[in-house]
Amino acid sequence: MKAYSEKKNAVRSSQSAPEATIANETLMQQAYASLRDQIACGQLQPGAKLVRRQLSGQLGVSTITIMEALRRLENDGLVEHRTYSGTCVRRINEQGLRDDIQLREALESQVARLCTARVNQIDLNELYYQAGQVDGAMLAQETTSQEGMQMHMAFHMNLAKAANCKPLHQQLEKLWFREMMLMCWASSGIKKVPANWHLDMVKVIASGDIQKADEKAREHVNFGREEYIQYINNMQ
């Protein structure tokens, strides 16, 4: 009888372990998403210290969960850890900006090429609609608001989704959260784009010309970037 009881308890224990793992992963994901969104919307500014015990109290999770969330944010390039000074929101510097621009150009141009080759009419109609929304918000100078930035990011993420390449979408999403952090921190340095900036991109994709789509994406990413970098250098 005792052996049966021990065996039964062992079975219960083995069943609860995966459930505990899922629960811990869910808490970590929630902490990660909360901190990521606070960084992206400017609540946590570049250079802000991230103290595990304080974050644990604020978010109602263990310090171990916070450590895992911070490790993931570091992999995303949103936070950095320095010996003796701890963890903080990623600081902005010119080299980091240029690296992200080059990476975004590579990813966005590949998205444009794949999207041009693979997009279906339903996705294309949705992209036309979203592009019009983003361009309208830009004309009204609303894209530096949190809602406007989320709308802008959603358009580019839907382009990546239409490209039908999950790893590409995942990498671009990480980069766009860094882009949102920059736009919040230095929104005044963003150069006003031409009218129908995003609609023109969708039109090129709809034309089926892969090379022109590649070129349009590169133009899109690099527009006004030198002025933006200069503006940020002057802020520091």
Protein backbone atom coordinates (compact mmCIF):
# COMPACT_ATOMS: atom_id res chain seq x y z
CA MET A 1 0.00 0.00 0.00
CA LYS A 2 2.84 2.34 0.89
CA ALA A 3 4.62 1.53 -2.37
CA TYR A 4 1.42 2.28 -4.30
CA SER A 5 1.03 5.62 -2.50
CA GLU A 6 4.61 6.60 -3.29
CA LYS A 7 4.14 5.57 -6.91
CA LYS A 8 0.92 7.60 -7.13
CA ASN A 9 2.63 10.65 -5.65
CA ALA A 10 5.48 10.25 -8.12
CA VAL A 11 3.01 10.21 -11.00
CA ARG A 12 1.34 13.35 -9.63
CA SER A 13 4.75 14.99 -9.28
CA SER A 14 5.71 14.14 -12.86
CA GLN A 15 2.41 15.55 -14.10
CA SER A 16 2.75 18.81 -12.19
CA ALA A 17 6.32 19.55 -13.37
CA PRO A 18 5.34 20.49 -16.95
CA GLU A 19 2.45 22.57 -15.59
CA ALA A 20 4.86 24.45 -13.32
CA THR A 21 7.23 25.00 -16.23
CA ILE A 22 4.40 26.42 -18.35
CA ALA A 23 3.30 28.70 -15.50
CA ASN A 24 6.85 29.98 -15.00
CA GLU A 25 7.26 30.54 -18.72
CA THR A 26 3.97 32.47 -18.81
CA LEU A 27 5.10 34.73 -15.96
CA MET A 28 8.44 35.32 -17.67
CA GLN A 29 6.68 36.13 -20.95
CA GLN A 30 4.40 38.61 -19.19
CA ALA A 31 7.34 40.30 -17.43
CA TYR A 32 9.31 40.37 -20.67
CA ALA A 33 6.42 41.88 -22.65
CA SER A 34 5.72 44.48 -19.96
CA LEU A 35 9.34 45.66 -19.82
CA ARG A 36 9.71 45.55 -23.60
CA ASP A 37 6.61 47.73 -24.05
CA GLN A 38 7.76 50.19 -21.37
CA ILE A 39 11.08 50.56 -23.20
CA ALA A 40 9.44 50.85 -26.63
CA CYS A 41 6.97 53.55 -25.54
CA GLY A 42 9.60 55.60 -23.68
CA GLN A 43 8.50 54.94 -20.10
CA LEU A 44 11.96 53.46 -19.56
CA GLN A 45 14.50 55.76 -21.23
CA PRO A 46 17.90 54.77 -22.69
CA GLY A 47 20.38 54.35 -19.84
CA ALA A 48 17.68 53.80 -17.18
CA LYS A 49 18.87 51.29 -14.56
CA LEU A 50 16.90 48.06 -14.27
CA VAL A 51 17.15 46.77 -10.69
CA ARG A 52 15.89 43.21 -10.37
CA ARG A 53 14.44 43.57 -6.87
CA GLN A 54 12.55 46.74 -7.77
CA LEU A 55 11.18 45.22 -10.97
CA SER A 56 10.20 42.09 -9.07
CA GLY A 57 8.09 44.18 -6.70
CA GLN A 58 6.56 46.26 -9.48
CA LEU A 59 5.57 43.30 -11.64
CA GLY A 60 4.75 40.86 -8.85
CA VAL A 61 7.11 38.10 -9.99
CA SER A 62 10.27 36.53 -8.60
CA THR A 63 13.73 37.96 -9.18
CA ILE A 64 14.59 34.76 -11.09
CA THR A 65 11.72 35.49 -13.50
CA ILE A 66 13.01 39.07 -13.89
CA MET A 67 16.50 37.74 -14.62
CA GLU A 68 15.13 35.56 -17.42
CA ALA A 69 13.09 38.44 -18.85
CA LEU A 70 16.14 40.74 -18.78
CA ARG A 71 18.28 38.08 -20.45
CA ARG A 72 15.76 37.85 -23.27
CA LEU A 73 15.58 41.64 -23.59
CA GLU A 74 19.37 41.72 -23.80
CA ASN A 75 19.21 39.21 -26.66
CA ASP A 76 16.72 41.55 -28.35
CA GLY A 77 19.15 44.45 -28.05
CA LEU A 78 16.85 46.47 -25.78
CA VAL A 79 18.91 46.27 -22.60
CA GLU A 80 22.59 45.88 -21.84
CA HIS A 81 24.60 44.55 -18.92
CA ARG A 82 27.88 46.06 -17.83
CA THR A 83 30.21 44.70 -15.18
CA TYR A 84 30.01 46.69 -11.92
CA SER A 85 27.22 48.94 -13.21
CA GLY A 86 24.45 46.36 -13.71
CA THR A 87 21.68 46.19 -16.27
CA CYS A 88 20.11 49.20 -17.96
CA VAL A 89 18.06 50.13 -21.01
CA ARG A 90 20.31 50.12 -24.05
CA ARG A 91 22.22 53.37 -24.46
CA ILE A 92 22.10 55.11 -27.83
CA ASN A 93 25.28 55.69 -29.80
CA GLU A 94 26.09 56.37 -33.44
CA GLN A 95 27.64 52.99 -34.19
CA GLY A 96 24.64 51.17 -32.74
CA LEU A 97 22.31 53.31 -34.85
CA ARG A 98 24.25 52.62 -38.03
CA ASP A 99 24.36 48.89 -37.29
CA ASP A 100 20.57 48.81 -36.84
CA ILE A 101 20.00 50.79 -40.05
CA GLN A 102 22.13 48.33 -42.03
CA LEU A 103 20.37 45.37 -40.45
CA ARG A 104 16.94 46.85 -41.06
CA GLU A 105 17.84 47.60 -44.70
CA ALA A 106 18.87 43.97 -45.21
CA LEU A 107 15.73 42.59 -43.55
CA GLU A 108 13.21 45.03 -45.04
CA SER A 109 14.59 44.64 -48.57
CA GLN A 110 14.34 40.86 -48.31
CA VAL A 111 10.80 41.19 -46.95
CA ALA A 112 9.91 43.36 -49.97
CA ARG A 113 11.37 40.83 -52.40
CA LEU A 114 9.56 37.86 -50.83
CA CYS A 115 6.33 39.79 -50.38
CA THR A 116 6.35 40.81 -54.05
CA ALA A 117 6.74 37.18 -55.07
CA ARG A 118 4.28 35.65 -52.58
CA VAL A 119 1.61 38.15 -51.55
CA ASN A 120 -2.01 37.25 -52.25
CA GLN A 121 -4.80 39.67 -53.09
CA ILE A 122 -6.39 39.53 -49.63
CA ASP A 123 -3.10 40.49 -47.95
CA LEU A 124 -2.48 43.13 -50.61
CA ASN A 125 -5.87 44.76 -49.94
CA GLU A 126 -5.09 44.86 -46.22
CA LEU A 127 -1.66 46.38 -46.90
CA TYR A 128 -3.24 49.09 -49.07
CA TYR A 129 -5.65 49.92 -46.25
CA GLN A 130 -2.94 49.99 -43.56
CA ALA A 131 -0.59 52.04 -45.74
CA GLY A 132 -3.30 54.65 -46.19
CA GLN A 133 -3.87 54.75 -42.43
CA VAL A 134 -0.16 55.21 -41.68
CA ASP A 135 0.29 57.87 -44.37
CA GLY A 136 -2.75 59.73 -43.05
CA ALA A 137 -1.34 59.65 -39.52
CA MET A 138 2.02 60.89 -40.81
CA LEU A 139 0.34 63.76 -42.65
CA ALA A 140 -1.39 64.71 -39.39
CA GLN A 141 1.93 64.25 -37.54
CA GLU A 142 0.41 61.56 -35.31
CA THR A 143 2.94 58.78 -35.88
CA THR A 144 5.06 59.83 -32.89
CA SER A 145 2.16 59.03 -30.56
CA GLN A 146 2.13 55.56 -29.04
CA GLU A 147 -0.89 54.58 -31.12
CA GLY A 148 0.71 55.99 -34.27
CA MET A 149 3.97 54.12 -33.70
CA GLN A 150 2.10 50.87 -33.09
CA MET A 151 0.17 51.43 -36.34
CA HIS A 152 3.43 52.07 -38.20
CA MET A 153 5.07 48.94 -36.78
CA ALA A 154 1.95 46.85 -37.53
CA PHE A 155 2.14 47.82 -41.22
CA HIS A 156 5.76 46.67 -41.50
CA MET A 157 5.02 43.48 -39.54
CA ASN A 158 2.16 42.67 -41.91
CA LEU A 159 4.52 43.15 -44.85
CA ALA A 160 6.81 40.61 -43.20
CA LYS A 161 3.88 38.28 -42.56
CA ALA A 162 2.87 38.48 -46.23
CA ALA A 163 6.44 37.48 -47.12
CA ASN A 164 5.64 34.15 -45.42
CA CYS A 165 9.01 33.67 -43.71
CA LYS A 166 8.64 33.26 -39.94
CA PRO A 167 12.34 33.71 -38.95
CA LEU A 168 12.49 36.92 -40.98
CA HIS A 169 9.34 38.20 -39.28
CA GLN A 170 10.75 37.39 -35.83
CA GLN A 171 14.05 39.18 -36.43
CA LEU A 172 12.34 42.22 -37.91
CA GLU A 173 9.96 42.42 -34.95
CA LYS A 174 12.90 42.64 -32.53
CA LEU A 175 14.44 45.38 -34.64
CA TRP A 176 11.20 47.33 -34.80
CA PHE A 177 10.90 47.47 -31.01
CA ARG A 178 14.33 49.11 -31.01
CA GLU A 179 13.10 51.46 -33.73
CA MET A 180 10.10 52.41 -31.60
CA MET A 181 12.39 53.10 -28.64
CA LEU A 182 14.37 55.51 -30.82
CA MET A 183 11.27 57.22 -32.20
CA CYS A 184 9.97 57.83 -28.67
CA TRP A 185 13.29 59.15 -27.44
CA ALA A 186 14.09 61.45 -30.36
CA SER A 187 10.80 61.99 -32.18
CA SER A 188 11.63 65.61 -33.04
CA GLY A 189 14.52 64.45 -35.21
CA ILE A 190 12.33 62.39 -37.56
CA LYS A 191 12.24 63.94 -41.02
CA LYS A 192 8.81 64.41 -42.59
CA VAL A 193 8.31 61.83 -45.32
CA PRO A 194 6.73 62.49 -48.74
CA ALA A 195 2.97 62.04 -49.21
CA ASN A 196 1.78 58.46 -49.84
CA TRP A 197 5.13 57.13 -48.61
CA HIS A 198 3.76 53.73 -47.60
CA LEU A 199 1.12 53.51 -50.32
CA ASP A 200 3.87 53.91 -52.92
CA MET A 201 5.71 50.96 -51.39
CA VAL A 202 2.61 48.74 -51.61
CA LYS A 203 2.06 49.82 -55.23
CA VAL A 204 5.59 48.72 -56.14
CA ILE A 205 5.04 45.37 -54.41
CA ALA A 206 1.73 44.95 -56.25
CA SER A 207 3.49 45.60 -59.58
CA GLY A 208 5.36 42.31 -59.21
CA ASP A 209 8.76 43.86 -59.94
CA ILE A 210 11.03 42.29 -57.31
CA GLN A 211 14.06 44.47 -58.06
CA LYS A 212 12.05 47.70 -57.79
CA ALA A 213 10.51 46.46 -54.52
CA ASP A 214 14.01 45.82 -53.15
CA GLU A 215 15.14 49.33 -54.15
CA LYS A 216 12.00 50.93 -52.70
CA ALA A 217 12.51 49.21 -49.36
CA ARG A 218 16.12 50.39 -49.15
CA GLU A 219 15.05 53.94 -50.01
CA HIS A 220 12.37 53.71 -47.32
CA VAL A 221 14.77 52.60 -44.58
CA ASN A 222 17.48 55.14 -45.39
CA PHE A 223 15.27 58.19 -45.86
CA GLY A 224 16.39 61.00 -43.53
CA ARG A 225 18.70 58.73 -41.54
CA GLU A 226 21.82 60.90 -41.65
CA GLU A 227 19.88 63.89 -40.34
CA TYR A 228 18.38 61.67 -37.64
CA ILE A 229 21.78 60.38 -36.56
CA GLN A 230 23.11 63.95 -36.40
CA TYR A 231 20.11 65.02 -34.33
CA ILE A 232 20.69 62.22 -31.82
CA ASN A 233 24.43 62.98 -31.64
CA ASN A 234 23.56 66.59 -30.80
CA MET A 235 21.25 65.43 -27.98
CA GLN A 236 24.05 63.63 -26.15
